[in-house]
PDB file of N, CA and C in Angstrom:
ATOM      1  N   MET A   1       5.094   2.747   5.329  1.00  0.00           N
ATOM      2  CA  MET A   1       6.063   2.748   6.416  1.00  0.00           C
ATOM      3  C   MET A   1       5.471   2.163   7.638  1.00  0.00           C
ATOM      4  N   ILE A   2       6.059   1.345   8.248  1.00  0.00           N
ATOM      5  CA  ILE A   2       5.722   0.765   9.470  1.00  0.00           C
ATOM      6  C   ILE A   2       6.661   1.152  10.504  1.00  0.00           C
ATOM      7  N   SER A   3       6.135   1.848  11.454  1.00  0.00           N
ATOM      8  CA  SER A   3       6.944   2.302  12.681  1.00  0.00           C
ATOM      9  C   SER A   3       7.048   1.439  13.876  1.00  0.00           C
ATOM     10  N   ASP A   4       8.104   1.417  14.542  1.00  0.00           N
ATOM     11  CA  ASP A   4       8.329   0.580  15.690  1.00  0.00           C
ATOM     12  C   ASP A   4       8.056  -0.836  15.528  1.00  0.00           C
ATOM     13  N   TYR A   5       8.648  -1.422  14.474  1.00  0.00           N
ATOM     14  CA  TYR A   5       8.550  -2.819  14.105  1.00  0.00           C
ATOM     15  C   TYR A   5       9.523  -3.658  14.947  1.00  0.00           C
ATOM     16  N   MET A   6       9.070  -4.772  15.525  1.00  0.00           N
ATOM     17  CA  MET A   6      10.143  -5.607  16.297  1.00  0.00           C
ATOM     18  C   MET A   6      10.806  -6.462  15.224  1.00  0.00           C
ATOM     19  N   CYS A   7      12.104  -6.315  15.070  1.00  0.00           N
ATOM     20  CA  CYS A   7      12.975  -7.153  14.155  1.00  0.00           C
ATOM     21  C   CYS A   7      13.294  -8.431  14.775  1.00  0.00           C
ATOM     22  N   ASP A   8      12.928  -9.564  14.092  1.00  0.00           N
ATOM     23  CA  ASP A   8      13.039 -10.900  14.649  1.00  0.00           C
ATOM     24  C   ASP A   8      14.578 -11.253  14.632  1.00  0.00           C
ATOM     25  N   PHE A   9      15.301 -10.655  13.740  1.00  0.00           N
ATOM     26  CA  PHE A   9      16.795 -10.895  13.595  1.00  0.00           C
ATOM     27  C   PHE A   9      17.567 -10.213  14.590  1.00  0.00           C
ATOM     28  N   CYS A  10      17.577  -8.912  14.702  1.00  0.00           N
ATOM     29  CA  CYS A  10      18.265  -8.113  15.629  1.00  0.00           C
ATOM     30  C   CYS A  10      17.622  -7.811  16.938  1.00  0.00           C
ATOM     31  N   LYS A  11      16.402  -8.086  17.136  1.00  0.00           N
ATOM     32  CA  LYS A  11      15.689  -8.013  18.456  1.00  0.00           C
ATOM     33  C   LYS A  11      15.587  -6.462  18.860  1.00  0.00           C
ATOM     34  N   GLN A  12      15.468  -5.584  17.942  1.00  0.00           N
ATOM     35  CA  GLN A  12      15.363  -4.132  18.211  1.00  0.00           C
ATOM     36  C   GLN A  12      14.080  -3.672  17.360  1.00  0.00           C
ATOM     37  N   ARG A  13      13.553  -2.587  18.056  1.00  0.00           N
ATOM     38  CA  ARG A  13      12.391  -1.892  17.288  1.00  0.00           C
ATOM     39  C   ARG A  13      13.058  -1.024  16.153  1.00  0.00           C
ATOM     40  N   VAL A  14      12.524  -1.131  14.947  1.00  0.00           N
ATOM     41  CA  VAL A  14      13.034  -0.283  13.878  1.00  0.00           C
ATOM     42  C   VAL A  14      11.835   0.122  13.043  1.00  0.00           C
ATOM     43  N   ASP A  15      12.137   1.078  12.163  1.00  0.00           N
ATOM     44  CA  ASP A  15      11.085   1.640  11.178  1.00  0.00           C
ATOM     45  C   ASP A  15      11.388   0.806   9.864  1.00  0.00           C
ATOM     46  N   VAL A  16      10.343   0.294   9.326  1.00  0.00           N
ATOM     47  CA  VAL A  16      10.591  -0.509   8.014  1.00  0.00           C
ATOM     48  C   VAL A  16       9.647  -0.002   6.861  1.00  0.00           C
ATOM     49  N   SER A  17       9.843  -0.268   5.727  1.00  0.00           N
ATOM     50  CA  SER A  17       8.931   0.015   4.690  1.00  0.00           C
ATOM     51  C   SER A  17       8.487  -1.263   4.018  1.00  0.00           C
ATOM     52  N   LYS A  18       7.320  -1.330   3.562  1.00  0.00           N
ATOM     53  CA  LYS A  18       6.796  -2.520   2.876  1.00  0.00           C
ATOM     54  C   LYS A  18       6.456  -2.150   1.510  1.00  0.00           C
ATOM     55  N   LYS A  19       6.989  -2.864   0.530  1.00  0.00           N
ATOM     56  CA  LYS A  19       6.768  -2.724  -0.927  1.00  0.00           C
ATOM     57  C   LYS A  19       6.344  -3.996  -1.562  1.00  0.00           C
ATOM     58  N   THR A  20       5.368  -3.731  -2.578  1.00  0.00           N
ATOM     59  CA  THR A  20       4.969  -4.757  -3.455  1.00  0.00           C
ATOM     60  C   THR A  20       5.382  -4.539  -4.801  1.00  0.00           C
ATOM     61  N   ARG A  21       6.019  -5.406  -5.542  1.00  0.00           N
ATOM     62  CA  ARG A  21       6.448  -5.202  -6.910  1.00  0.00           C
ATOM     63  C   ARG A  21       5.848  -6.215  -7.834  1.00  0.00           C
ATOM     64  N   ILE A  22       5.638  -5.821  -9.044  1.00  0.00           N
ATOM     65  CA  ILE A  22       5.110  -6.743  -9.914  1.00  0.00           C
ATOM     66  C   ILE A  22       6.080  -7.110 -10.995  1.00  0.00           C
ATOM     67  N   SER A  23       6.085  -8.374 -11.560  1.00  0.00           N
ATOM     68  CA  SER A  23       7.012  -8.813 -12.528  1.00  0.00           C
ATOM     69  C   SER A  23       6.637  -8.343 -13.977  1.00  0.00           C
ATOM     70  N   LYS A  24       5.361  -8.241 -14.254  1.00  0.00           N
ATOM     71  CA  LYS A  24       4.845  -7.928 -15.498  1.00  0.00           C
ATOM     72  C   LYS A  24       3.499  -7.149 -15.340  1.00  0.00           C
ATOM     73  N   SER A  25       3.390  -6.055 -16.145  1.00  0.00           N
ATOM     74  CA  SER A  25       2.110  -5.337 -16.067  1.00  0.00           C
ATOM     75  C   SER A  25       0.871  -5.945 -16.691  1.00  0.00           C
ATOM     76  N   PRO A  26      -0.156  -5.995 -16.006  1.00  0.00           N
ATOM     77  CA  PRO A  26      -1.208  -6.754 -16.481  1.00  0.00           C
ATOM     78  C   PRO A  26      -2.031  -5.996 -17.589  1.00  0.00           C
ATOM     79  N   HIS A  27      -2.831  -6.594 -18.461  1.00  0.00           N
ATOM     80  CA  HIS A  27      -3.683  -5.827 -19.344  1.00  0.00           C
ATOM     81  C   HIS A  27      -4.716  -5.103 -18.736  1.00  0.00           C
ATOM     82  N   ASN A  28      -5.332  -5.685 -17.757  1.00  0.00           N
ATOM     83  CA  ASN A  28      -6.441  -4.939 -16.843  1.00  0.00           C
ATOM     84  C   ASN A  28      -5.987  -5.051 -15.433  1.00  0.00           C
ATOM     85  N   LEU A  29      -6.124  -3.985 -14.810  1.00  0.00           N
ATOM     86  CA  LEU A  29      -5.856  -3.896 -13.222  1.00  0.00           C
ATOM     87  C   LEU A  29      -7.184  -3.483 -12.540  1.00  0.00           C
ATOM     88  N   ILE A  30      -7.363  -4.310 -11.384  1.00  0.00           N
ATOM     89  CA  ILE A  30      -8.405  -4.059 -10.574  1.00  0.00           C
ATOM     90  C   ILE A  30      -7.785  -3.664  -9.155  1.00  0.00           C
ATOM     91  N   ILE A  31      -8.125  -2.576  -8.611  1.00  0.00           N
ATOM     92  CA  ILE A  31      -7.611  -2.100  -7.318  1.00  0.00           C
ATOM     93  C   ILE A  31      -8.730  -2.058  -6.439  1.00  0.00           C
ATOM     94  N   HIS A  32      -8.509  -2.751  -5.283  1.00  0.00           N
ATOM     95  CA  HIS A  32      -9.544  -2.747  -4.178  1.00  0.00           C
ATOM     96  C   HIS A  32      -9.056  -1.803  -3.195  1.00  0.00           C
ATOM     97  N   LEU A  33      -9.942  -0.821  -2.745  1.00  0.00           N
ATOM     98  CA  LEU A  33      -9.596   0.129  -1.800  1.00  0.00           C
ATOM     99  C   LEU A  33     -10.405  -0.184  -0.577  1.00  0.00           C
ATOM    100  N   GLN A  34      -9.729  -0.020   0.619  1.00  0.00           N
ATOM    101  CA  GLN A  34     -10.213  -0.126   1.915  1.00  0.00           C
ATOM    102  C   GLN A  34     -10.987   1.021   2.156  1.00  0.00           C
ATOM    103  N   ARG A  35     -12.395   0.941   2.278  1.00  0.00           N
ATOM    104  CA  ARG A  35     -13.136   2.214   2.395  1.00  0.00           C
ATOM    105  C   ARG A  35     -13.780   2.365   3.739  1.00  0.00           C
ATOM    106  N   ILE A  36     -12.928   1.829   4.722  1.00  0.00           N
ATOM    107  CA  ILE A  36     -13.283   2.015   6.154  1.00  0.00           C
ATOM    108  C   ILE A  36     -12.188   2.622   6.902  1.00  0.00           C
ATOM    109  N   ASP A  37     -12.410   3.400   7.947  1.00  0.00           N
ATOM    110  CA  ASP A  37     -11.458   3.975   8.760  1.00  0.00           C
ATOM    111  C   ASP A  37     -11.918   3.898  10.173  1.00  0.00           C
ATOM    112  N   MET A  38     -10.922   3.592  10.970  1.00  0.00           N
ATOM    113  CA  MET A  38     -11.203   3.443  12.522  1.00  0.00           C
ATOM    114  C   MET A  38     -11.358   4.815  13.028  1.00  0.00           C
ATOM    115  N   ASN A  39     -12.461   5.132  13.774  1.00  0.00           N
ATOM    116  CA  ASN A  39     -12.612   6.131  14.530  1.00  0.00           C
ATOM    117  C   ASN A  39     -12.078   6.016  15.923  1.00  0.00           C
ATOM    118  N   PHE A  40     -11.147   6.657  16.407  1.00  0.00           N
ATOM    119  CA  PHE A  40     -10.464   6.289  17.720  1.00  0.00           C
ATOM    120  C   PHE A  40     -11.236   6.905  18.828  1.00  0.00           C
ATOM    121  N   GLU A  41     -12.131   7.966  18.649  1.00  0.00           N
ATOM    122  CA  GLU A  41     -12.882   8.421  19.723  1.00  0.00           C
ATOM    123  C   GLU A  41     -14.168   7.493  19.989  1.00  0.00           C
ATOM    124  N   THR A  42     -14.659   6.846  19.017  1.00  0.00           N
ATOM    125  CA  THR A  42     -15.770   5.901  19.311  1.00  0.00           C
ATOM    126  C   THR A  42     -15.432   4.325  19.288  1.00  0.00           C
ATOM    127  N   PHE A  43     -14.241   4.195  18.630  1.00  0.00           N
ATOM    128  CA  PHE A  43     -13.680   2.812  18.404  1.00  0.00           C
ATOM    129  C   PHE A  43     -14.613   2.016  17.526  1.00  0.00           C
ATOM    130  N   VAL A  44     -15.095   2.726  16.485  1.00  0.00           N
ATOM    131  CA  VAL A  44     -16.075   2.076  15.532  1.00  0.00           C
ATOM    132  C   VAL A  44     -15.525   2.394  14.142  1.00  0.00           C
ATOM    133  N   ASN A  45     -15.608   1.347  13.287  1.00  0.00           N
ATOM    134  CA  ASN A  45     -15.173   1.497  11.944  1.00  0.00           C
ATOM    135  C   ASN A  45     -16.265   2.432  11.082  1.00  0.00           C
ATOM    136  N   GLU A  46     -15.735   3.439  10.361  1.00  0.00           N
ATOM    137  CA  GLU A  46     -16.706   4.251   9.687  1.00  0.00           C
ATOM    138  C   GLU A  46     -16.379   4.121   8.180  1.00  0.00           C
ATOM    139  N   LYS A  47     -17.475   4.073   7.375  1.00  0.00           N
ATOM    140  CA  LYS A  47     -17.313   4.136   5.920  1.00  0.00           C
ATOM    141  C   LYS A  47     -16.850   5.340   5.298  1.00  0.00           C
ATOM    142  N   LEU A  48     -15.927   5.412   4.462  1.00  0.00           N
ATOM    143  CA  LEU A  48     -15.435   6.646   3.867  1.00  0.00           C
ATOM    144  C   LEU A  48     -16.296   6.801   2.611  1.00  0.00           C
ATOM    145  N   THR A  49     -16.799   7.947   2.451  1.00  0.00           N
ATOM    146  CA  THR A  49     -17.604   8.211   1.309  1.00  0.00           C
ATOM    147  C   THR A  49     -17.196   9.282   0.260  1.00  0.00           C
ATOM    148  N   ASN A  50     -15.907   9.704   0.570  1.00  0.00           N
ATOM    149  CA  ASN A  50     -15.325  10.723  -0.379  1.00  0.00           C
ATOM    150  C   ASN A  50     -15.046  10.009  -1.758  1.00  0.00           C
ATOM    151  N   LYS A  51     -15.083  10.876  -2.870  1.00  0.00           N
ATOM    152  CA  LYS A  51     -14.941  10.303  -4.153  1.00  0.00           C
ATOM    153  C   LYS A  51     -13.490  10.270  -4.609  1.00  0.00           C
ATOM    154  N   HIS A  52     -13.004   9.245  -5.282  1.00  0.00           N
ATOM    155  CA  HIS A  52     -11.769   9.168  -5.875  1.00  0.00           C
ATOM    156  C   HIS A  52     -11.780   9.077  -7.333  1.00  0.00           C
ATOM    157  N   GLU A  53     -11.083   9.828  -7.949  1.00  0.00           N
ATOM    158  CA  GLU A  53     -10.927   9.619  -9.526  1.00  0.00           C
ATOM    159  C   GLU A  53      -9.521   9.170  -9.991  1.00  0.00           C
ATOM    160  N   PHE A  54      -9.433   8.257 -10.794  1.00  0.00           N
ATOM    161  CA  PHE A  54      -8.275   7.758 -11.247  1.00  0.00           C
ATOM    162  C   PHE A  54      -8.041   7.943 -12.832  1.00  0.00           C
ATOM    163  N   PRO A  55      -6.876   8.149 -13.243  1.00  0.00           N
ATOM    164  CA  PRO A  55      -6.666   8.172 -14.682  1.00  0.00           C
ATOM    165  C   PRO A  55      -7.001   6.949 -15.430  1.00  0.00           C
ATOM    166  N   THR A  56      -7.411   6.893 -16.681  1.00  0.00           N
ATOM    167  CA  THR A  56      -7.660   5.677 -17.480  1.00  0.00           C
ATOM    168  C   THR A  56      -6.342   4.952 -17.926  1.00  0.00           C
ATOM    169  N   ASN A  57      -5.260   5.820 -17.997  1.00  0.00           N
ATOM    170  CA  ASN A  57      -3.977   5.188 -18.271  1.00  0.00           C
ATOM    171  C   ASN A  57      -2.978   5.481 -17.038  1.00  0.00           C
ATOM    172  N   PHE A  58      -2.490   4.370 -16.588  1.00  0.00           N
ATOM    173  CA  PHE A  58      -1.574   4.492 -15.237  1.00  0.00           C
ATOM    174  C   PHE A  58      -0.310   3.747 -15.652  1.00  0.00           C
ATOM    175  N   ASN A  59       0.776   4.483 -15.413  1.00  0.00           N
ATOM    176  CA  ASN A  59       2.026   3.963 -15.519  1.00  0.00           C
ATOM    177  C   ASN A  59       2.552   3.080 -14.390  1.00  0.00           C
ATOM    178  N   LEU A  60       2.641   1.834 -14.717  1.00  0.00           N
ATOM    179  CA  LEU A  60       2.979   0.812 -13.601  1.00  0.00           C
ATOM    180  C   LEU A  60       4.370   0.441 -13.610  1.00  0.00           C
ATOM    181  N   TYR A  61       5.269   1.062 -14.384  1.00  0.00           N
ATOM    182  CA  TYR A  61       6.689   0.828 -14.418  1.00  0.00           C
ATOM    183  C   TYR A  61       7.351   1.094 -13.160  1.00  0.00           C
ATOM    184  N   PRO A  62       6.985   2.133 -12.447  1.00  0.00           N
ATOM    185  CA  PRO A  62       7.739   2.361 -11.123  1.00  0.00           C
ATOM    186  C   PRO A  62       7.449   1.268 -10.121  1.00  0.00           C
ATOM    187  N   TYR A  63       6.484   0.384 -10.405  1.00  0.00           N
ATOM    188  CA  TYR A  63       6.145  -0.646  -9.429  1.00  0.00           C
ATOM    189  C   TYR A  63       6.552  -2.078  -9.885  1.00  0.00           C
ATOM    190  N   THR A  64       7.368  -2.063 -10.890  1.00  0.00           N
ATOM    191  CA  THR A  64       7.826  -3.342 -11.404  1.00  0.00           C
ATOM    192  C   THR A  64       9.236  -3.677 -10.936  1.00  0.00           C
ATOM    193  N   LEU A  65       9.530  -5.042 -11.070  1.00  0.00           N
ATOM    194  CA  LEU A  65      10.970  -5.479 -10.727  1.00  0.00           C
ATOM    195  C   LEU A  65      11.957  -4.832 -11.574  1.00  0.00           C
ATOM    196  N   ASP A  66      11.725  -4.588 -12.872  1.00  0.00           N
ATOM    197  CA  ASP A  66      12.642  -4.025 -13.737  1.00  0.00           C
ATOM    198  C   ASP A  66      13.019  -2.641 -13.255  1.00  0.00           C
ATOM    199  N   TYR A  67      12.193  -1.831 -12.595  1.00  0.00           N
ATOM    200  CA  TYR A  67      12.488  -0.603 -12.273  1.00  0.00           C
ATOM    201  C   TYR A  67      13.507  -0.571 -11.060  1.00  0.00           C
ATOM    202  N   TYR A  68      13.259  -1.511 -10.125  1.00  0.00           N
ATOM    203  CA  TYR A  68      14.124  -1.552  -9.006  1.00  0.00           C
ATOM    204  C   TYR A  68      15.536  -2.326  -9.211  1.00  0.00           C
ATOM    205  N   GLU A  69      15.540  -2.970 -10.425  1.00  0.00           N
ATOM    206  CA  GLU A  69      16.765  -3.790 -10.814  1.00  0.00           C
ATOM    207  C   GLU A  69      17.641  -2.959 -11.638  1.00  0.00           C
ATOM    208  N   ARG A  70      17.296  -1.833 -12.041  1.00  0.00           N
ATOM    209  CA  ARG A  70      18.105  -1.036 -13.010  1.00  0.00           C
ATOM    210  C   ARG A  70      19.317  -0.255 -12.277  1.00  0.00           C
TER     211      ARG A  70
END
């Protein structure tokens, strides 16, 4: 969700959502995570060190074009 976005068409500030959809599920999926976060007290980027675990099987159907077109 992007808050307070300036719409070029209507010239008003609006809330919008950004989505990425895929047309076909890949055999292999590589996900790149942004592992830094801005510290607004020091205004320095800090590396995130918490651990994330992901399932070995991941259902991509909700992120496909077919899902949104039904």
